[in-house]
Amino acid sequence: HSYCAAKPMQIAAARALDQGDDWLRTARQLYTEAGLLASETLGVAMPRGGTFLFFDAAPWLAPTDEDVMPLLHRCLDAGVIVTPGGASGDHYKRWVRVCFTCVEPAELKAGLALLSEILGRG
């Protein structure tokens, strides 16, 4: 087996090398705006850094749900993909990770609106 960085990460690295400080300044601004939109829309804390929200989804799960799979199925049915927190360890089986930098702003806004409806915030 071989491993390489995901294509978006390779593109980002190439742009950072080619465009330097201007690219980094723009990326930071766009990522901050996207993170703020995601946190405000979903009603969860804004991350201090990074490219995703990671939050406890227990309020949107049945008490008998051992993990977030029922919630993930509702998301998939609505056309939204989120990552189960259990991918980060057993202590996070009832958590969800939402990446807010992997799509264009208009697509992010549409996806967040769908997710907000699923979470009963829409």
PDB file of N, CA and C in Angstrom:
ATOM      1  N   HIS A   1       0.830  -1.179   0.000  1.00  0.00           N
ATOM      2  CA  HIS A   1       0.000   0.000   0.000  1.00  0.00           C
ATOM      3  C   HIS A   1       0.875   1.244   0.000  1.00  0.00           C
ATOM      4  N   SER A   2       0.342   2.262  -0.593  1.00  0.00           N
ATOM      5  CA  SER A   2       1.037   3.542  -0.541  1.00  0.00           C
ATOM      6  C   SER A   2       0.074   4.592   0.002  1.00  0.00           C
ATOM      7  N   TYR A   3       0.622   5.673   0.453  1.00  0.00           N
ATOM      8  CA  TYR A   3      -0.193   6.734   1.011  1.00  0.00           C
ATOM      9  C   TYR A   3       0.289   8.057   0.429  1.00  0.00           C
ATOM     10  N   CYS A   4      -0.661   8.884   0.097  1.00  0.00           N
ATOM     11  CA  CYS A   4      -0.299  10.237  -0.322  1.00  0.00           C
ATOM     12  C   CYS A   4      -1.358  11.193   0.213  1.00  0.00           C
ATOM     13  N   ALA A   5      -1.000  12.447   0.260  1.00  0.00           N
ATOM     14  CA  ALA A   5      -1.942  13.452   0.737  1.00  0.00           C
ATOM     15  C   ALA A   5      -3.112  13.563  -0.236  1.00  0.00           C
ATOM     16  N   ALA A   6      -4.291  13.843   0.309  1.00  0.00           N
ATOM     17  CA  ALA A   6      -5.481  14.001  -0.530  1.00  0.00           C
ATOM     18  C   ALA A   6      -5.264  15.131  -1.530  1.00  0.00           C
ATOM     19  N   LYS A   7      -5.887  14.993  -2.694  1.00  0.00           N
ATOM     20  CA  LYS A   7      -5.708  15.970  -3.769  1.00  0.00           C
ATOM     21  C   LYS A   7      -5.982  17.408  -3.327  1.00  0.00           C
ATOM     22  N   PRO A   8      -7.087  17.676  -2.579  1.00  0.00           N
ATOM     23  CA  PRO A   8      -7.290  19.066  -2.140  1.00  0.00           C
ATOM     24  C   PRO A   8      -6.128  19.605  -1.306  1.00  0.00           C
ATOM     25  N   MET A   9      -5.535  18.754  -0.504  1.00  0.00           N
ATOM     26  CA  MET A   9      -4.400  19.197   0.313  1.00  0.00           C
ATOM     27  C   MET A   9      -3.178  19.473  -0.576  1.00  0.00           C
ATOM     28  N   GLN A  10      -2.994  18.663  -1.614  1.00  0.00           N
ATOM     29  CA  GLN A  10      -1.885  18.894  -2.539  1.00  0.00           C
ATOM     30  C   GLN A  10      -2.070  20.215  -3.280  1.00  0.00           C
ATOM     31  N   ILE A  11      -3.309  20.488  -3.709  1.00  0.00           N
ATOM     32  CA  ILE A  11      -3.601  21.738  -4.406  1.00  0.00           C
ATOM     33  C   ILE A  11      -3.372  22.927  -3.474  1.00  0.00           C
ATOM     34  N   ALA A  12      -3.842  22.806  -2.247  1.00  0.00           N
ATOM     35  CA  ALA A  12      -3.651  23.887  -1.276  1.00  0.00           C
ATOM     36  C   ALA A  12      -2.168  24.138  -1.035  1.00  0.00           C
ATOM     37  N   ALA A  13      -1.408  23.095  -0.895  1.00  0.00           N
ATOM     38  CA  ALA A  13       0.033  23.255  -0.665  1.00  0.00           C
ATOM     39  C   ALA A  13       0.706  23.915  -1.864  1.00  0.00           C
ATOM     40  N   ALA A  14       0.332  23.508  -3.076  1.00  0.00           N
ATOM     41  CA  ALA A  14       0.916  24.106  -4.278  1.00  0.00           C
ATOM     42  C   ALA A  14       0.566  25.596  -4.369  1.00  0.00           C
ATOM     43  N   ARG A  15      -0.678  25.938  -4.077  1.00  0.00           N
ATOM     44  CA  ARG A  15      -1.074  27.354  -4.119  1.00  0.00           C
ATOM     45  C   ARG A  15      -0.338  28.160  -3.057  1.00  0.00           C
ATOM     46  N   ALA A  16      -0.183  27.576  -1.891  1.00  0.00           N
ATOM     47  CA  ALA A  16       0.533  28.282  -0.821  1.00  0.00           C
ATOM     48  C   ALA A  16       1.973  28.554  -1.239  1.00  0.00           C
ATOM     49  N   LEU A  17       2.587  27.586  -1.918  1.00  0.00           N
ATOM     50  CA  LEU A  17       3.959  27.786  -2.370  1.00  0.00           C
ATOM     51  C   LEU A  17       4.031  28.830  -3.485  1.00  0.00           C
ATOM     52  N   ASP A  18       3.054  28.778  -4.398  1.00  0.00           N
ATOM     53  CA  ASP A  18       3.052  29.701  -5.538  1.00  0.00           C
ATOM     54  C   ASP A  18       2.606  31.105  -5.161  1.00  0.00           C
ATOM     55  N   GLN A  19       1.602  31.212  -4.318  1.00  0.00           N
ATOM     56  CA  GLN A  19       0.984  32.508  -4.053  1.00  0.00           C
ATOM     57  C   GLN A  19       1.314  33.060  -2.671  1.00  0.00           C
ATOM     58  N   GLY A  20       1.943  32.247  -1.853  1.00  0.00           N
ATOM     59  CA  GLY A  20       2.460  32.691  -0.567  1.00  0.00           C
ATOM     60  C   GLY A  20       1.470  33.390   0.339  1.00  0.00           C
ATOM     61  N   ASP A  21       1.879  34.529   0.831  1.00  0.00           N
ATOM     62  CA  ASP A  21       1.129  35.250   1.855  1.00  0.00           C
ATOM     63  C   ASP A  21      -0.264  35.664   1.413  1.00  0.00           C
ATOM     64  N   ASP A  22      -0.416  36.073   0.144  1.00  0.00           N
ATOM     65  CA  ASP A  22      -1.743  36.482  -0.334  1.00  0.00           C
ATOM     66  C   ASP A  22      -2.726  35.320  -0.261  1.00  0.00           C
ATOM     67  N   TRP A  23      -2.289  34.143  -0.710  1.00  0.00           N
ATOM     68  CA  TRP A  23      -3.172  32.973  -0.673  1.00  0.00           C
ATOM     69  C   TRP A  23      -3.520  32.625   0.769  1.00  0.00           C
ATOM     70  N   LEU A  24      -2.536  32.637   1.640  1.00  0.00           N
ATOM     71  CA  LEU A  24      -2.755  32.278   3.038  1.00  0.00           C
ATOM     72  C   LEU A  24      -3.723  33.254   3.707  1.00  0.00           C
ATOM     73  N   ARG A  25      -3.556  34.544   3.456  1.00  0.00           N
ATOM     74  CA  ARG A  25      -4.438  35.557   4.039  1.00  0.00           C
ATOM     75  C   ARG A  25      -5.887  35.334   3.561  1.00  0.00           C
ATOM     76  N   THR A  26      -6.063  35.092   2.264  1.00  0.00           N
ATOM     77  CA  THR A  26      -7.398  34.855   1.703  1.00  0.00           C
ATOM     78  C   THR A  26      -8.002  33.573   2.261  1.00  0.00           C
ATOM     79  N   ALA A  27      -7.201  32.510   2.319  1.00  0.00           N
ATOM     80  CA  ALA A  27      -7.699  31.225   2.836  1.00  0.00           C
ATOM     81  C   ALA A  27      -8.135  31.370   4.290  1.00  0.00           C
ATOM     82  N   ARG A  28      -7.352  32.038   5.093  1.00  0.00           N
ATOM     83  CA  ARG A  28      -7.718  32.230   6.504  1.00  0.00           C
ATOM     84  C   ARG A  28      -9.026  33.005   6.636  1.00  0.00           C
ATOM     85  N   GLN A  29      -9.194  34.041   5.819  1.00  0.00           N
ATOM     86  CA  GLN A  29     -10.424  34.827   5.869  1.00  0.00           C
ATOM     87  C   GLN A  29     -11.622  33.977   5.456  1.00  0.00           C
ATOM     88  N   LEU A  30     -11.489  33.239   4.356  1.00  0.00           N
ATOM     89  CA  LEU A  30     -12.600  32.399   3.884  1.00  0.00           C
ATOM     90  C   LEU A  30     -12.935  31.303   4.892  1.00  0.00           C
ATOM     91  N   TYR A  31     -11.914  30.681   5.463  1.00  0.00           N
ATOM     92  CA  TYR A  31     -12.144  29.612   6.433  1.00  0.00           C
ATOM     93  C   TYR A  31     -12.794  30.157   7.701  1.00  0.00           C
ATOM     94  N   THR A  32     -12.371  31.341   8.132  1.00  0.00           N
ATOM     95  CA  THR A  32     -12.981  31.953   9.316  1.00  0.00           C
ATOM     96  C   THR A  32     -14.448  32.260   9.065  1.00  0.00           C
ATOM     97  N   GLU A  33     -14.746  32.834   7.901  1.00  0.00           N
ATOM     98  CA  GLU A  33     -16.132  33.143   7.554  1.00  0.00           C
ATOM     99  C   GLU A  33     -16.972  31.872   7.481  1.00  0.00           C
ATOM    100  N   ALA A  34     -16.426  30.818   6.875  1.00  0.00           N
ATOM    101  CA  ALA A  34     -17.150  29.550   6.756  1.00  0.00           C
ATOM    102  C   ALA A  34     -17.383  28.931   8.126  1.00  0.00           C
ATOM    103  N   GLY A  35     -16.383  28.965   8.992  1.00  0.00           N
ATOM    104  CA  GLY A  35     -16.519  28.425  10.344  1.00  0.00           C
ATOM    105  C   GLY A  35     -17.553  29.181  11.157  1.00  0.00           C
ATOM    106  N   LEU A  36     -17.554  30.491  11.021  1.00  0.00           N
ATOM    107  CA  LEU A  36     -18.535  31.315  11.729  1.00  0.00           C
ATOM    108  C   LEU A  36     -19.949  31.011  11.233  1.00  0.00           C
ATOM    109  N   LEU A  37     -20.124  30.906   9.920  1.00  0.00           N
ATOM    110  CA  LEU A  37     -21.431  30.566   9.360  1.00  0.00           C
ATOM    111  C   LEU A  37     -21.898  29.204   9.883  1.00  0.00           C
ATOM    112  N   ALA A  38     -21.010  28.228   9.861  1.00  0.00           N
ATOM    113  CA  ALA A  38     -21.370  26.885  10.317  1.00  0.00           C
ATOM    114  C   ALA A  38     -21.732  26.881  11.805  1.00  0.00           C
ATOM    115  N   SER A  39     -20.919  27.525  12.626  1.00  0.00           N
ATOM    116  CA  SER A  39     -21.185  27.502  14.071  1.00  0.00           C
ATOM    117  C   SER A  39     -22.478  28.244  14.409  1.00  0.00           C
ATOM    118  N   GLU A  40     -22.712  29.382  13.758  1.00  0.00           N
ATOM    119  CA  GLU A  40     -23.939  30.137  14.031  1.00  0.00           C
ATOM    120  C   GLU A  40     -25.170  29.386  13.532  1.00  0.00           C
ATOM    121  N   THR A  41     -25.078  28.787  12.352  1.00  0.00           N
ATOM    122  CA  THR A  41     -26.222  28.067  11.787  1.00  0.00           C
ATOM    123  C   THR A  41     -26.598  26.873  12.642  1.00  0.00           C
ATOM    124  N   LEU A  42     -25.590  26.150  13.134  1.00  0.00           N
ATOM    125  CA  LEU A  42     -25.853  24.931  13.896  1.00  0.00           C
ATOM    126  C   LEU A  42     -25.948  25.171  15.400  1.00  0.00           C
ATOM    127  N   GLY A  43     -25.594  26.366  15.851  1.00  0.00           N
ATOM    128  CA  GLY A  43     -25.686  26.668  17.275  1.00  0.00           C
ATOM    129  C   GLY A  43     -24.649  25.955  18.117  1.00  0.00           C
ATOM    130  N   VAL A  44     -23.466  25.761  17.552  1.00  0.00           N
ATOM    131  CA  VAL A  44     -22.372  25.135  18.296  1.00  0.00           C
ATOM    132  C   VAL A  44     -21.188  26.098  18.320  1.00  0.00           C
ATOM    133  N   ALA A  45     -20.254  25.832  19.208  1.00  0.00           N
ATOM    134  CA  ALA A  45     -19.111  26.731  19.391  1.00  0.00           C
ATOM    135  C   ALA A  45     -18.236  26.803  18.146  1.00  0.00           C
ATOM    136  N   MET A  46     -17.771  27.998  17.863  1.00  0.00           N
ATOM    137  CA  MET A  46     -16.827  28.235  16.775  1.00  0.00           C
ATOM    138  C   MET A  46     -15.481  27.644  17.173  1.00  0.00           C
ATOM    139  N   PRO A  47     -14.857  26.870  16.282  1.00  0.00           N
ATOM    140  CA  PRO A  47     -13.545  26.326  16.633  1.00  0.00           C
ATOM    141  C   PRO A  47     -12.488  27.429  16.696  1.00  0.00           C
ATOM    142  N   ARG A  48     -11.486  27.230  17.507  1.00  0.00           N
ATOM    143  CA  ARG A  48     -10.413  28.220  17.628  1.00  0.00           C
ATOM    144  C   ARG A  48      -9.457  28.122  16.452  1.00  0.00           C
ATOM    145  N   GLY A  49      -9.555  27.059  15.710  1.00  0.00           N
ATOM    146  CA  GLY A  49      -8.719  26.843  14.535  1.00  0.00           C
ATOM    147  C   GLY A  49      -9.202  25.591  13.833  1.00  0.00           C
ATOM    148  N   GLY A  50      -8.664  25.313  12.690  1.00  0.00           N
ATOM    149  CA  GLY A  50      -9.027  24.103  11.977  1.00  0.00           C
ATOM    150  C   GLY A  50     -10.048  24.339  10.881  1.00  0.00           C
ATOM    151  N   THR A  51     -10.541  23.250  10.336  1.00  0.00           N
ATOM    152  CA  THR A  51     -11.422  23.314   9.177  1.00  0.00           C
ATOM    153  C   THR A  51     -12.738  22.586   9.384  1.00  0.00           C
ATOM    154  N   PHE A  52     -13.065  22.263  10.625  1.00  0.00           N
ATOM    155  CA  PHE A  52     -14.319  21.561  10.884  1.00  0.00           C
ATOM    156  C   PHE A  52     -14.854  21.871  12.273  1.00  0.00           C
ATOM    157  N   LEU A  53     -16.161  21.630  12.424  1.00  0.00           N
ATOM    158  CA  LEU A  53     -16.810  21.679  13.737  1.00  0.00           C
ATOM    159  C   LEU A  53     -16.835  20.254  14.262  1.00  0.00           C
ATOM    160  N   PHE A  54     -16.588  20.071  15.520  1.00  0.00           N
ATOM    161  CA  PHE A  54     -16.637  18.752  16.160  1.00  0.00           C
ATOM    162  C   PHE A  54     -17.472  18.936  17.408  1.00  0.00           C
ATOM    163  N   PHE A  55     -18.681  18.339  17.412  1.00  0.00           N
ATOM    164  CA  PHE A  55     -19.583  18.610  18.534  1.00  0.00           C
ATOM    165  C   PHE A  55     -20.351  17.366  18.958  1.00  0.00           C
ATOM    166  N   ASP A  56     -20.774  17.395  20.207  1.00  0.00           N
ATOM    167  CA  ASP A  56     -21.552  16.325  20.810  1.00  0.00           C
ATOM    168  C   ASP A  56     -22.962  16.357  20.220  1.00  0.00           C
ATOM    169  N   ALA A  57     -23.359  15.289  19.556  1.00  0.00           N
ATOM    170  CA  ALA A  57     -24.669  15.221  18.894  1.00  0.00           C
ATOM    171  C   ALA A  57     -25.733  14.586  19.782  1.00  0.00           C
ATOM    172  N   ALA A  58     -25.419  14.312  21.036  1.00  0.00           N
ATOM    173  CA  ALA A  58     -26.367  13.649  21.941  1.00  0.00           C
ATOM    174  C   ALA A  58     -27.742  14.320  21.986  1.00  0.00           C
ATOM    175  N   PRO A  59     -27.837  15.650  21.952  1.00  0.00           N
ATOM    176  CA  PRO A  59     -29.168  16.267  21.989  1.00  0.00           C
ATOM    177  C   PRO A  59     -30.075  15.866  20.819  1.00  0.00           C
ATOM    178  N   TRP A  60     -29.484  15.386  19.732  1.00  0.00           N
ATOM    179  CA  TRP A  60     -30.262  15.018  18.544  1.00  0.00           C
ATOM    180  C   TRP A  60     -30.372  13.506  18.360  1.00  0.00           C
ATOM    181  N   LEU A  61     -29.989  12.763  19.389  1.00  0.00           N
ATOM    182  CA  LEU A  61     -30.060  11.302  19.359  1.00  0.00           C
ATOM    183  C   LEU A  61     -31.070  10.803  20.379  1.00  0.00           C
ATOM    184  N   ALA A  62     -31.602   9.627  20.110  1.00  0.00           N
ATOM    185  CA  ALA A  62     -32.453   8.973  21.105  1.00  0.00           C
ATOM    186  C   ALA A  62     -31.557   8.495  22.256  1.00  0.00           C
ATOM    187  N   PRO A  63     -32.065   8.482  23.479  1.00  0.00           N
ATOM    188  CA  PRO A  63     -31.239   8.030  24.613  1.00  0.00           C
ATOM    189  C   PRO A  63     -30.680   6.624  24.412  1.00  0.00           C
ATOM    190  N   THR A  64     -31.342   5.810  23.619  1.00  0.00           N
ATOM    191  CA  THR A  64     -30.878   4.442  23.397  1.00  0.00           C
ATOM    192  C   THR A  64     -29.868   4.324  22.255  1.00  0.00           C
ATOM    193  N   ASP A  65     -29.659   5.391  21.498  1.00  0.00           N
ATOM    194  CA  ASP A  65     -28.672   5.353  20.408  1.00  0.00           C
ATOM    195  C   ASP A  65     -27.272   5.258  20.991  1.00  0.00           C
ATOM    196  N   GLU A  66     -26.534   4.236  20.588  1.00  0.00           N
ATOM    197  CA  GLU A  66     -25.174   4.069  21.081  1.00  0.00           C
ATOM    198  C   GLU A  66     -24.178   4.954  20.341  1.00  0.00           C
ATOM    199  N   ASP A  67     -24.538   5.335  19.128  1.00  0.00           N
ATOM    200  CA  ASP A  67     -23.652   6.175  18.325  1.00  0.00           C
ATOM    201  C   ASP A  67     -24.489   7.087  17.442  1.00  0.00           C
ATOM    202  N   VAL A  68     -23.848   7.785  16.516  1.00  0.00           N
ATOM    203  CA  VAL A  68     -24.547   8.764  15.682  1.00  0.00           C
ATOM    204  C   VAL A  68     -25.103   8.187  14.385  1.00  0.00           C
ATOM    205  N   MET A  69     -25.040   6.885  14.202  1.00  0.00           N
ATOM    206  CA  MET A  69     -25.471   6.305  12.929  1.00  0.00           C
ATOM    207  C   MET A  69     -26.911   6.670  12.555  1.00  0.00           C
ATOM    208  N   PRO A  70     -27.875   6.656  13.484  1.00  0.00           N
ATOM    209  CA  PRO A  70     -29.228   7.080  13.086  1.00  0.00           C
ATOM    210  C   PRO A  70     -29.255   8.520  12.560  1.00  0.00           C
ATOM    211  N   LEU A  71     -28.501   9.400  13.187  1.00  0.00           N
ATOM    212  CA  LEU A  71     -28.419  10.784  12.732  1.00  0.00           C
ATOM    213  C   LEU A  71     -27.723  10.858  11.372  1.00  0.00           C
ATOM    214  N   LEU A  72     -26.654  10.107  11.197  1.00  0.00           N
ATOM    215  CA  LEU A  72     -25.954  10.103   9.919  1.00  0.00           C
ATOM    216  C   LEU A  72     -26.850   9.612   8.786  1.00  0.00           C
ATOM    217  N   HIS A  73     -27.691   8.640   9.064  1.00  0.00           N
ATOM    218  CA  HIS A  73     -28.627   8.156   8.039  1.00  0.00           C
ATOM    219  C   HIS A  73     -29.634   9.243   7.666  1.00  0.00           C
ATOM    220  N   ARG A  74     -30.107   9.991   8.664  1.00  0.00           N
ATOM    221  CA  ARG A  74     -31.021  11.106   8.362  1.00  0.00           C
ATOM    222  C   ARG A  74     -30.307  12.163   7.516  1.00  0.00           C
ATOM    223  N   CYS A  75     -29.059  12.407   7.825  1.00  0.00           N
ATOM    224  CA  CYS A  75     -28.278  13.370   7.041  1.00  0.00           C
ATOM    225  C   CYS A  75     -28.103  12.884   5.602  1.00  0.00           C
ATOM    226  N   LEU A  76     -27.715  11.633   5.448  1.00  0.00           N
ATOM    227  CA  LEU A  76     -27.538  11.080   4.105  1.00  0.00           C
ATOM    228  C   LEU A  76     -28.824  11.133   3.303  1.00  0.00           C
ATOM    229  N   ASP A  77     -29.936  10.804   3.941  1.00  0.00           N
ATOM    230  CA  ASP A  77     -31.232  10.856   3.255  1.00  0.00           C
ATOM    231  C   ASP A  77     -31.536  12.268   2.760  1.00  0.00           C
ATOM    232  N   ALA A  78     -31.036  13.285   3.464  1.00  0.00           N
ATOM    233  CA  ALA A  78     -31.264  14.674   3.084  1.00  0.00           C
ATOM    234  C   ALA A  78     -30.201  15.189   2.107  1.00  0.00           C
ATOM    235  N   GLY A  79     -29.162  14.372   1.867  1.00  0.00           N
ATOM    236  CA  GLY A  79     -28.111  14.777   0.939  1.00  0.00           C
ATOM    237  C   GLY A  79     -26.926  15.474   1.580  1.00  0.00           C
ATOM    238  N   VAL A  80     -26.743  15.281   2.892  1.00  0.00           N
ATOM    239  CA  VAL A  80     -25.641  15.916   3.619  1.00  0.00           C
ATOM    240  C   VAL A  80     -24.743  14.820   4.183  1.00  0.00           C
ATOM    241  N   ILE A  81     -23.446  15.001   4.008  1.00  0.00           N
ATOM    242  CA  ILE A  81     -22.494  14.030   4.540  1.00  0.00           C
ATOM    243  C   ILE A  81     -21.736  14.667   5.700  1.00  0.00           C
ATOM    244  N   VAL A  82     -21.767  14.011   6.852  1.00  0.00           N
ATOM    245  CA  VAL A  82     -20.973  14.405   8.012  1.00  0.00           C
ATOM    246  C   VAL A  82     -20.185  13.183   8.468  1.00  0.00           C
ATOM    247  N   THR A  83     -19.167  13.408   9.249  1.00  0.00           N
ATOM    248  CA  THR A  83     -18.299  12.325   9.697  1.00  0.00           C
ATOM    249  C   THR A  83     -18.666  11.904  11.113  1.00  0.00           C
ATOM    250  N   PRO A  84     -18.785  10.601  11.349  1.00  0.00           N
ATOM    251  CA  PRO A  84     -19.059  10.157  12.722  1.00  0.00           C
ATOM    252  C   PRO A  84     -17.863  10.430  13.625  1.00  0.00           C
ATOM    253  N   GLY A  85     -18.149  10.925  14.806  1.00  0.00           N
ATOM    254  CA  GLY A  85     -17.090  11.228  15.755  1.00  0.00           C
ATOM    255  C   GLY A  85     -16.307  10.010  16.199  1.00  0.00           C
ATOM    256  N   GLY A  86     -16.935   8.842  16.142  1.00  0.00           N
ATOM    257  CA  GLY A  86     -16.256   7.618  16.539  1.00  0.00           C
ATOM    258  C   GLY A  86     -14.984   7.361  15.751  1.00  0.00           C
ATOM    259  N   ALA A  87     -14.842   7.995  14.579  1.00  0.00           N
ATOM    260  CA  ALA A  87     -13.611   7.878  13.807  1.00  0.00           C
ATOM    261  C   ALA A  87     -12.433   8.489  14.573  1.00  0.00           C
ATOM    262  N   SER A  88     -12.735   9.305  15.591  1.00  0.00           N
ATOM    263  CA  SER A  88     -11.695   9.932  16.417  1.00  0.00           C
ATOM    264  C   SER A  88     -11.510   9.215  17.752  1.00  0.00           C
ATOM    265  N   GLY A  89     -12.207   8.105  17.942  1.00  0.00           N
ATOM    266  CA  GLY A  89     -12.056   7.325  19.167  1.00  0.00           C
ATOM    267  C   GLY A  89     -13.399   6.986  19.792  1.00  0.00           C
ATOM    268  N   ASP A  90     -13.399   5.945  20.588  1.00  0.00           N
ATOM    269  CA  ASP A  90     -14.636   5.453  21.207  1.00  0.00           C
ATOM    270  C   ASP A  90     -15.339   6.487  22.086  1.00  0.00           C
ATOM    271  N   HIS A  91     -14.598   7.406  22.674  1.00  0.00           N
ATOM    272  CA  HIS A  91     -15.213   8.419  23.534  1.00  0.00           C
ATOM    273  C   HIS A  91     -16.077   9.403  22.747  1.00  0.00           C
ATOM    274  N   TYR A  92     -15.973   9.369  21.423  1.00  0.00           N
ATOM    275  CA  TYR A  92     -16.680  10.331  20.575  1.00  0.00           C
ATOM    276  C   TYR A  92     -17.722   9.676  19.672  1.00  0.00           C
ATOM    277  N   LYS A  93     -18.228   8.515  20.077  1.00  0.00           N
ATOM    278  CA  LYS A  93     -19.208   7.796  19.258  1.00  0.00           C
ATOM    279  C   LYS A  93     -20.506   8.576  19.068  1.00  0.00           C
ATOM    280  N   ARG A  94     -20.795   9.495  19.969  1.00  0.00           N
ATOM    281  CA  ARG A  94     -22.033  10.286  19.866  1.00  0.00           C
ATOM    282  C   ARG A  94     -21.731  11.731  19.441  1.00  0.00           C
ATOM    283  N   TRP A  95     -20.590  11.917  18.802  1.00  0.00           N
ATOM    284  CA  TRP A  95     -20.171  13.221  18.299  1.00  0.00           C
ATOM    285  C   TRP A  95     -20.215  13.207  16.769  1.00  0.00           C
ATOM    286  N   VAL A  96     -20.216  14.400  16.173  1.00  0.00           N
ATOM    287  CA  VAL A  96     -20.248  14.561  14.720  1.00  0.00           C
ATOM    288  C   VAL A  96     -19.189  15.583  14.318  1.00  0.00           C
ATOM    289  N   ARG A  97     -18.585  15.338  13.170  1.00  0.00           N
ATOM    290  CA  ARG A  97     -17.624  16.286  12.610  1.00  0.00           C
ATOM    291  C   ARG A  97     -18.198  16.837  11.310  1.00  0.00           C
ATOM    292  N   VAL A  98     -18.234  18.163  11.195  1.00  0.00           N
ATOM    293  CA  VAL A  98     -18.748  18.836  10.006  1.00  0.00           C
ATOM    294  C   VAL A  98     -17.615  19.676   9.422  1.00  0.00           C
ATOM    295  N   CYS A  99     -17.144  19.286   8.241  1.00  0.00           N
ATOM    296  CA  CYS A  99     -16.104  20.059   7.566  1.00  0.00           C
ATOM    297  C   CYS A  99     -16.763  21.239   6.859  1.00  0.00           C
ATOM    298  N   PHE A 100     -16.242  22.439   7.095  1.00  0.00           N
ATOM    299  CA  PHE A 100     -16.840  23.628   6.488  1.00  0.00           C
ATOM    300  C   PHE A 100     -15.947  24.262   5.423  1.00  0.00           C
ATOM    301  N   THR A 101     -14.866  23.578   5.048  1.00  0.00           N
ATOM    302  CA  THR A 101     -13.962  24.148   4.045  1.00  0.00           C
ATOM    303  C   THR A 101     -13.846  23.304   2.783  1.00  0.00           C
ATOM    304  N   CYS A 102     -14.620  22.245   2.671  1.00  0.00           N
ATOM    305  CA  CYS A 102     -14.450  21.333   1.536  1.00  0.00           C
ATOM    306  C   CYS A 102     -15.366  21.658   0.361  1.00  0.00           C
ATOM    307  N   VAL A 103     -16.223  22.651   0.479  1.00  0.00           N
ATOM    308  CA  VAL A 103     -17.126  23.041  -0.605  1.00  0.00           C
ATOM    309  C   VAL A 103     -17.138  24.562  -0.728  1.00  0.00           C
ATOM    310  N   GLU A 104     -17.647  25.031  -1.846  1.00  0.00           N
ATOM    311  CA  GLU A 104     -17.779  26.474  -2.059  1.00  0.00           C
ATOM    312  C   GLU A 104     -18.803  27.044  -1.075  1.00  0.00           C
ATOM    313  N   PRO A 105     -18.711  28.340  -0.760  1.00  0.00           N
ATOM    314  CA  PRO A 105     -19.620  28.951   0.224  1.00  0.00           C
ATOM    315  C   PRO A 105     -21.109  28.726  -0.050  1.00  0.00           C
ATOM    316  N   ALA A 106     -21.547  28.818  -1.294  1.00  0.00           N
ATOM    317  CA  ALA A 106     -22.978  28.629  -1.591  1.00  0.00           C
ATOM    318  C   ALA A 106     -23.414  27.199  -1.282  1.00  0.00           C
ATOM    319  N   GLU A 107     -22.567  26.228  -1.602  1.00  0.00           N
ATOM    320  CA  GLU A 107     -22.892  24.836  -1.308  1.00  0.00           C
ATOM    321  C   GLU A 107     -22.864  24.575   0.195  1.00  0.00           C
ATOM    322  N   LEU A 108     -21.926  25.206   0.900  1.00  0.00           N
ATOM    323  CA  LEU A 108     -21.871  25.087   2.354  1.00  0.00           C
ATOM    324  C   LEU A 108     -23.153  25.617   2.969  1.00  0.00           C
ATOM    325  N   LYS A 109     -23.583  26.785   2.525  1.00  0.00           N
ATOM    326  CA  LYS A 109     -24.798  27.393   3.070  1.00  0.00           C
ATOM    327  C   LYS A 109     -26.002  26.481   2.844  1.00  0.00           C
ATOM    328  N   ALA A 110     -26.116  25.894   1.654  1.00  0.00           N
ATOM    329  CA  ALA A 110     -27.232  24.982   1.356  1.00  0.00           C
ATOM    330  C   ALA A 110     -27.157  23.728   2.233  1.00  0.00           C
ATOM    331  N   GLY A 111     -25.962  23.162   2.379  1.00  0.00           N
ATOM    332  CA  GLY A 111     -25.801  21.978   3.217  1.00  0.00           C
ATOM    333  C   GLY A 111     -26.091  22.256   4.677  1.00  0.00           C
ATOM    334  N   LEU A 112     -25.653  23.414   5.159  1.00  0.00           N
ATOM    335  CA  LEU A 112     -25.923  23.786   6.546  1.00  0.00           C
ATOM    336  C   LEU A 112     -27.413  24.000   6.777  1.00  0.00           C
ATOM    337  N   ALA A 113     -28.110  24.536   5.782  1.00  0.00           N
ATOM    338  CA  ALA A 113     -29.559  24.719   5.917  1.00  0.00           C
ATOM    339  C   ALA A 113     -30.247  23.369   6.062  1.00  0.00           C
ATOM    340  N   LEU A 114     -29.826  22.393   5.264  1.00  0.00           N
ATOM    341  CA  LEU A 114     -30.402  21.046   5.376  1.00  0.00           C
ATOM    342  C   LEU A 114     -30.080  20.433   6.738  1.00  0.00           C
ATOM    343  N   LEU A 115     -28.822  20.546   7.149  1.00  0.00           N
ATOM    344  CA  LEU A 115     -28.422  19.985   8.448  1.00  0.00           C
ATOM    345  C   LEU A 115     -29.149  20.677   9.583  1.00  0.00           C
ATOM    346  N   SER A 116     -29.341  21.968   9.464  1.00  0.00           N
ATOM    347  CA  SER A 116     -30.071  22.718  10.483  1.00  0.00           C
ATOM    348  C   SER A 116     -31.502  22.208  10.614  1.00  0.00           C
ATOM    349  N   GLU A 117     -32.135  21.897   9.487  1.00  0.00           N
ATOM    350  CA  GLU A 117     -33.486  21.321   9.535  1.00  0.00           C
ATOM    351  C   GLU A 117     -33.483  19.971  10.223  1.00  0.00           C
ATOM    352  N   ILE A 118     -32.495  19.148   9.911  1.00  0.00           N
ATOM    353  CA  ILE A 118     -32.392  17.820  10.537  1.00  0.00           C
ATOM    354  C   ILE A 118     -32.240  17.963  12.045  1.00  0.00           C
ATOM    355  N   LEU A 119     -31.498  18.972  12.478  1.00  0.00           N
ATOM    356  CA  LEU A 119     -31.269  19.187  13.908  1.00  0.00           C
ATOM    357  C   LEU A 119     -32.381  19.993  14.565  1.00  0.00           C
ATOM    358  N   GLY A 120     -33.407  20.334  13.797  1.00  0.00           N
ATOM    359  CA  GLY A 120     -34.533  21.043  14.362  1.00  0.00           C
ATOM    360  C   GLY A 120     -34.273  22.509  14.617  1.00  0.00           C
ATOM    361  N   ARG A 121     -33.297  23.084  13.908  1.00  0.00           N
ATOM    362  CA  ARG A 121     -32.973  24.503  14.080  1.00  0.00           C
ATOM    363  C   ARG A 121     -33.486  25.334  12.912  1.00  0.00           C
ATOM    364  N   GLY A 122     -34.026  24.662  11.868  1.00  0.00           N
ATOM    365  CA  GLY A 122     -34.436  25.380  10.655  1.00  0.00           C
ATOM    366  C   GLY A 122     -35.829  25.897  10.705  1.00  0.00           C
TER     367      GLY A 122
END
